C-alpha atoms as a PDB file:
ATOM      1  CA  MET A   1     122.827  91.188 228.254  1.00  0.00           C
ATOM      2  CA  LEU A   2     125.596  91.959 231.011  1.00  0.00           C
ATOM      3  CA  THR A   3     127.178  88.759 231.496  1.00  0.00           C
ATOM      4  CA  ASN A   4     129.854  87.969 234.184  1.00  0.00           C
ATOM      5  CA  THR A   5     131.251  84.411 234.394  1.00  0.00           C
ATOM      6  CA  ASP A   6     130.902  81.226 232.606  1.00  0.00           C
ATOM      7  CA  ILE A   7     128.858  77.904 233.092  1.00  0.00           C
ATOM      8  CA  THR A   8     128.714  74.395 232.752  1.00  0.00           C
ATOM      9  CA  ILE A   9     125.656  73.194 232.907  1.00  0.00           C
ATOM     10  CA  PHE A  10     124.810  68.777 233.235  1.00  0.00           C
ATOM     11  CA  ASN A  11     121.533  67.925 231.427  1.00  0.00           C
ATOM     12  CA  LYS A  12     120.522  64.375 232.895  1.00  0.00           C
ATOM     13  CA  PHE A  13     120.110  61.683 230.350  1.00  0.00           C
ATOM     14  CA  PRO A  14     119.191  57.946 230.895  1.00  0.00           C
ATOM     15  CA  ASP A  15     122.011  55.896 229.835  1.00  0.00           C
ATOM     16  CA  LYS A  16     120.228  52.983 227.678  1.00  0.00           C
ATOM     17  CA  GLN A  17     122.942  50.623 228.615  1.00  0.00           C
ATOM     18  CA  SER A  18     123.630  50.953 232.370  1.00  0.00           C
ATOM     19  CA  LYS A  19     120.046  52.005 232.743  1.00  0.00           C
ATOM     20  CA  LYS A  20     120.911  54.747 235.131  1.00  0.00           C
ATOM     21  CA  LEU A  21     121.222  58.520 234.862  1.00  0.00           C
ATOM     22  CA  VAL A  22     124.462  60.203 234.012  1.00  0.00           C
ATOM     23  CA  TYR A  23     124.650  64.280 233.606  1.00  0.00           C
ATOM     24  CA  ILE A  24     126.524  65.302 230.233  1.00  0.00           C
ATOM     25  CA  PRO A  25     128.166  68.285 230.678  1.00  0.00           C
ATOM     26  CA  HIS A  26     127.529  71.872 228.342  1.00  0.00           C
ATOM     27  CA  TYR A  27     129.928  74.657 228.651  1.00  0.00           C
ATOM     28  CA  ILE A  28     128.562  77.861 228.362  1.00  0.00           C
ATOM     29  CA  ASP A  29     130.967  81.140 227.912  1.00  0.00           C
ATOM     30  CA  ALA A  30     129.067  83.882 228.493  1.00  0.00           C
ATOM     31  CA  VAL A  31     126.166  84.261 230.990  1.00  0.00           C
ATOM     32  CA  TRP A  32     125.198  86.579 233.859  1.00  0.00           C
ATOM     33  CA  PHE A  33     125.419  84.679 237.303  1.00  0.00           C
ATOM     34  CA  HIS A  34     124.278  85.996 240.540  1.00  0.00           C
ATOM     35  CA  THR A  35     124.128  84.435 244.474  1.00  0.00           C
ATOM     36  CA  ASP A  36     121.779  85.772 247.097  1.00  0.00           C
ATOM     37  CA  GLN A  37     121.672  84.638 250.478  1.00  0.00           C
ATOM     38  CA  LYS A  38     118.085  83.200 251.945  1.00  0.00           C
ATOM     39  CA  SER A  39     117.409  82.568 255.680  1.00  0.00           C
ATOM     40  CA  ASP A  40     114.984  80.629 257.134  1.00  0.00           C
ATOM     41  CA  ILE A  41     113.647  79.923 260.518  1.00  0.00           C
ATOM     42  CA  GLU A  42     114.150  75.653 261.002  1.00  0.00           C
ATOM     43  CA  ASN A  43     114.240  73.546 264.543  1.00  0.00           C
ATOM     44  CA  GLY A  44     114.643  77.283 266.433  1.00  0.00           C
ATOM     45  CA  GLY A  45     117.465  78.541 264.823  1.00  0.00           C
ATOM     46  CA  LEU A  46     118.368  80.218 261.721  1.00  0.00           C
ATOM     47  CA  LYS A  47     119.452  78.671 258.345  1.00  0.00           C
ATOM     48  CA  SER A  48     121.410  80.009 255.271  1.00  0.00           C
ATOM     49  CA  VAL A  49     121.434  78.778 251.933  1.00  0.00           C
ATOM     50  CA  ASP A  50     122.425  80.187 248.527  1.00  0.00           C
ATOM     51  CA  VAL A  51     120.221  81.026 246.135  1.00  0.00           C
ATOM     52  CA  HIS A  52     121.548  81.250 242.057  1.00  0.00           C
ATOM     53  CA  LYS A  53     119.717  83.372 239.507  1.00  0.00           C
ATOM     54  CA  ILE A  54     121.339  82.429 235.855  1.00  0.00           C
ATOM     55  CA  ARG A  55     120.562  83.996 232.635  1.00  0.00           C
ATOM     56  CA  ILE A  56     121.943  82.762 229.188  1.00  0.00           C
ATOM     57  CA  PRO A  57     121.688  85.353 226.490  1.00  0.00           C
ATOM     58  CA  TYR A  58     119.814  83.816 223.190  1.00  0.00           C
ATOM     59  CA  GLU A  59     123.139  84.339 221.503  1.00  0.00           C
ATOM     60  CA  LYS A  60     124.275  81.668 223.583  1.00  0.00           C
ATOM     61  CA  CYS A  61     121.571  78.999 222.837  1.00  0.00           C
ATOM     62  CA  GLU A  62     122.048  78.134 219.097  1.00  0.00           C
ATOM     63  CA  ASN A  63     122.556  73.961 220.232  1.00  0.00           C
ATOM     64  CA  TRP A  64     119.647  74.442 222.924  1.00  0.00           C
ATOM     65  CA  ILE A  65     116.478  71.980 222.277  1.00  0.00           C
ATOM     66  CA  SER A  66     113.497  71.729 224.427  1.00  0.00           C
ATOM     67  CA  GLY A  67     113.689  69.350 227.335  1.00  0.00           C
ATOM     68  CA  VAL A  68     110.950  66.993 225.969  1.00  0.00           C
ATOM     69  CA  ASP A  69     113.309  67.285 222.360  1.00  0.00           C
ATOM     70  CA  PHE A  70     116.330  66.331 224.342  1.00  0.00           C
ATOM     71  CA  GLN A  71     114.855  63.537 226.386  1.00  0.00           C
ATOM     72  CA  LYS A  72     113.797  61.592 222.965  1.00  0.00           C
ATOM     73  CA  LYS A  73     117.330  61.683 221.830  1.00  0.00           C
ATOM     74  CA  ASN A  74     119.101  58.187 221.412  1.00  0.00           C
ATOM     75  CA  SER A  75     122.050  59.228 221.676  1.00  0.00           C
ATOM     76  CA  ILE A  76     124.636  62.143 222.914  1.00  0.00           C
ATOM     77  CA  SER A  77     125.575  65.483 220.987  1.00  0.00           C
ATOM     78  CA  ASP A  78     126.216  68.657 221.521  1.00  0.00           C
ATOM     79  CA  GLU A  79     122.423  69.930 221.836  1.00  0.00           C
ATOM     80  CA  TRP A  80     121.831  71.059 225.373  1.00  0.00           C
ATOM     81  CA  THR A  81     118.893  72.194 227.105  1.00  0.00           C
ATOM     82  CA  VAL A  82     117.396  73.046 230.667  1.00  0.00           C
ATOM     83  CA  GLN A  83     115.185  70.565 233.043  1.00  0.00           C
ATOM     84  CA  ASN A  84     114.420  71.384 236.369  1.00  0.00           C
ATOM     85  CA  GLY A  85     116.549  68.690 238.755  1.00  0.00           C
ATOM     86  CA  ASP A  86     119.682  69.306 236.416  1.00  0.00           C
ATOM     87  CA  PHE A  87     123.274  70.515 237.917  1.00  0.00           C
ATOM     88  CA  PHE A  88     125.386  73.599 236.873  1.00  0.00           C
ATOM     89  CA  VAL A  89     128.400  74.659 238.145  1.00  0.00           C
ATOM     90  CA  ALA A  90     130.155  78.205 237.616  1.00  0.00           C
ATOM     91  CA  GLY A  91     133.123  77.885 235.429  1.00  0.00           C
ATOM     92  CA  LYS A  92     134.355  75.563 232.956  1.00  0.00           C
ATOM     93  CA  TRP A  93     134.089  71.685 233.929  1.00  0.00           C
ATOM     94  CA  ASP A  94     137.119  69.680 232.572  1.00  0.00           C
ATOM     95  CA  GLY A  95     135.862  66.095 233.305  1.00  0.00           C
ATOM     96  CA  GLY A  96     133.338  63.902 231.462  1.00  0.00           C
ATOM     97  CA  ASN A  97     130.322  62.690 232.015  1.00  0.00           C
ATOM     98  CA  ALA A  98     129.089  62.613 235.858  1.00  0.00           C
ATOM     99  CA  THR A  99     126.834  60.568 237.972  1.00  0.00           C
ATOM    100  CA  SER A 100     125.705  62.671 240.517  1.00  0.00           C
ATOM    101  CA  ILE A 101     125.674  66.063 242.257  1.00  0.00           C
ATOM    102  CA  GLU A 102     128.024  64.856 244.743  1.00  0.00           C
ATOM    103  CA  GLU A 103     130.517  63.989 242.052  1.00  0.00           C
ATOM    104  CA  ILE A 104     130.747  67.121 240.751  1.00  0.00           C
ATOM    105  CA  ARG A 105     131.323  68.884 243.760  1.00  0.00           C
ATOM    106  CA  ARG A 106     133.907  66.553 244.928  1.00  0.00           C
ATOM    107  CA  CYS A 107     135.857  67.336 241.695  1.00  0.00           C
ATOM    108  CA  THR A 108     135.069  70.956 241.558  1.00  0.00           C
ATOM    109  CA  SER A 109     135.888  73.835 243.987  1.00  0.00           C
ATOM    110  CA  GLY A 110     133.291  76.522 242.579  1.00  0.00           C
ATOM    111  CA  ILE A 111     129.969  77.374 242.576  1.00  0.00           C
ATOM    112  CA  SER A 112     128.101  74.465 242.393  1.00  0.00           C
ATOM    113  CA  GLY A 113     123.821  73.765 242.566  1.00  0.00           C
ATOM    114  CA  LYS A 114     120.926  72.291 241.005  1.00  0.00           C
ATOM    115  CA  VAL A 115     118.099  74.192 238.521  1.00  0.00           C
ATOM    116  CA  LEU A 116     115.049  74.454 240.757  1.00  0.00           C
ATOM    117  CA  ASN A 117     113.143  76.300 237.922  1.00  0.00           C
ATOM    118  CA  HIS A 118     113.736  77.933 234.553  1.00  0.00           C
ATOM    119  CA  SER A 119     111.948  79.821 231.863  1.00  0.00           C
ATOM    120  CA  GLU A 120     112.525  80.446 228.380  1.00  0.00           C
ATOM    121  CA  ASN A 121     112.217  83.928 227.676  1.00  0.00           C
ATOM    122  CA  PHE A 122     112.517  84.153 223.896  1.00  0.00           C
ATOM    123  CA  HIS A 123     110.439  87.384 223.177  1.00  0.00           C
ATOM    124  CA  GLY A 124     111.051  91.119 223.519  1.00  0.00           C
ATOM    125  CA  GLY A 125     114.266  92.966 223.501  1.00  0.00           C
ATOM    126  CA  SER A 126     116.370  90.853 226.165  1.00  0.00           C
ATOM    127  CA  LYS A 127     115.833  87.218 224.814  1.00  0.00           C
ATOM    128  CA  HIS A 128     117.457  84.245 227.628  1.00  0.00           C
ATOM    129  CA  ILE A 129     116.680  81.504 229.546  1.00  0.00           C
ATOM    130  CA  ARG A 130     115.853  82.150 233.107  1.00  0.00           C
ATOM    131  CA  ILE A 131     117.402  79.592 235.616  1.00  0.00           C
ATOM    132  CA  GLY A 132     116.910  79.576 239.437  1.00  0.00           C
ATOM    133  CA  GLY A 133     119.058  76.951 241.417  1.00  0.00           C
ATOM    134  CA  GLY A 134     119.994  76.175 244.962  1.00  0.00           C
ATOM    135  CA  ALA A 135     121.904  74.128 246.919  1.00  0.00           C
END
């Protein structure tokens, strides 16, 4: 699979002490990333939004676990997942855990977005995780 950048994915995780969601960053060093423009008519005008397509090669999924297994964890580790509602940034995140997409956007100047849909395509000749994201 061709790759063209690296990303950091932020998995939502319930912090049992603060009883709030935190977003735990996981860096992936070689993915395929593409951005399209989508336009819709809204309130008599045109609205344009970015639509992101991400493919994570199977070789980069060694610490991946299912979303169900990730939510059962009691503590943070090197394991990661992809769930609808998670966040991502193109490039490497140098900060720690985050509390919101707004915090992530304040602290980075690159492309960022939210996971809107995903699938694990672990069969066939080009195994990968597919992510569809947007603003």
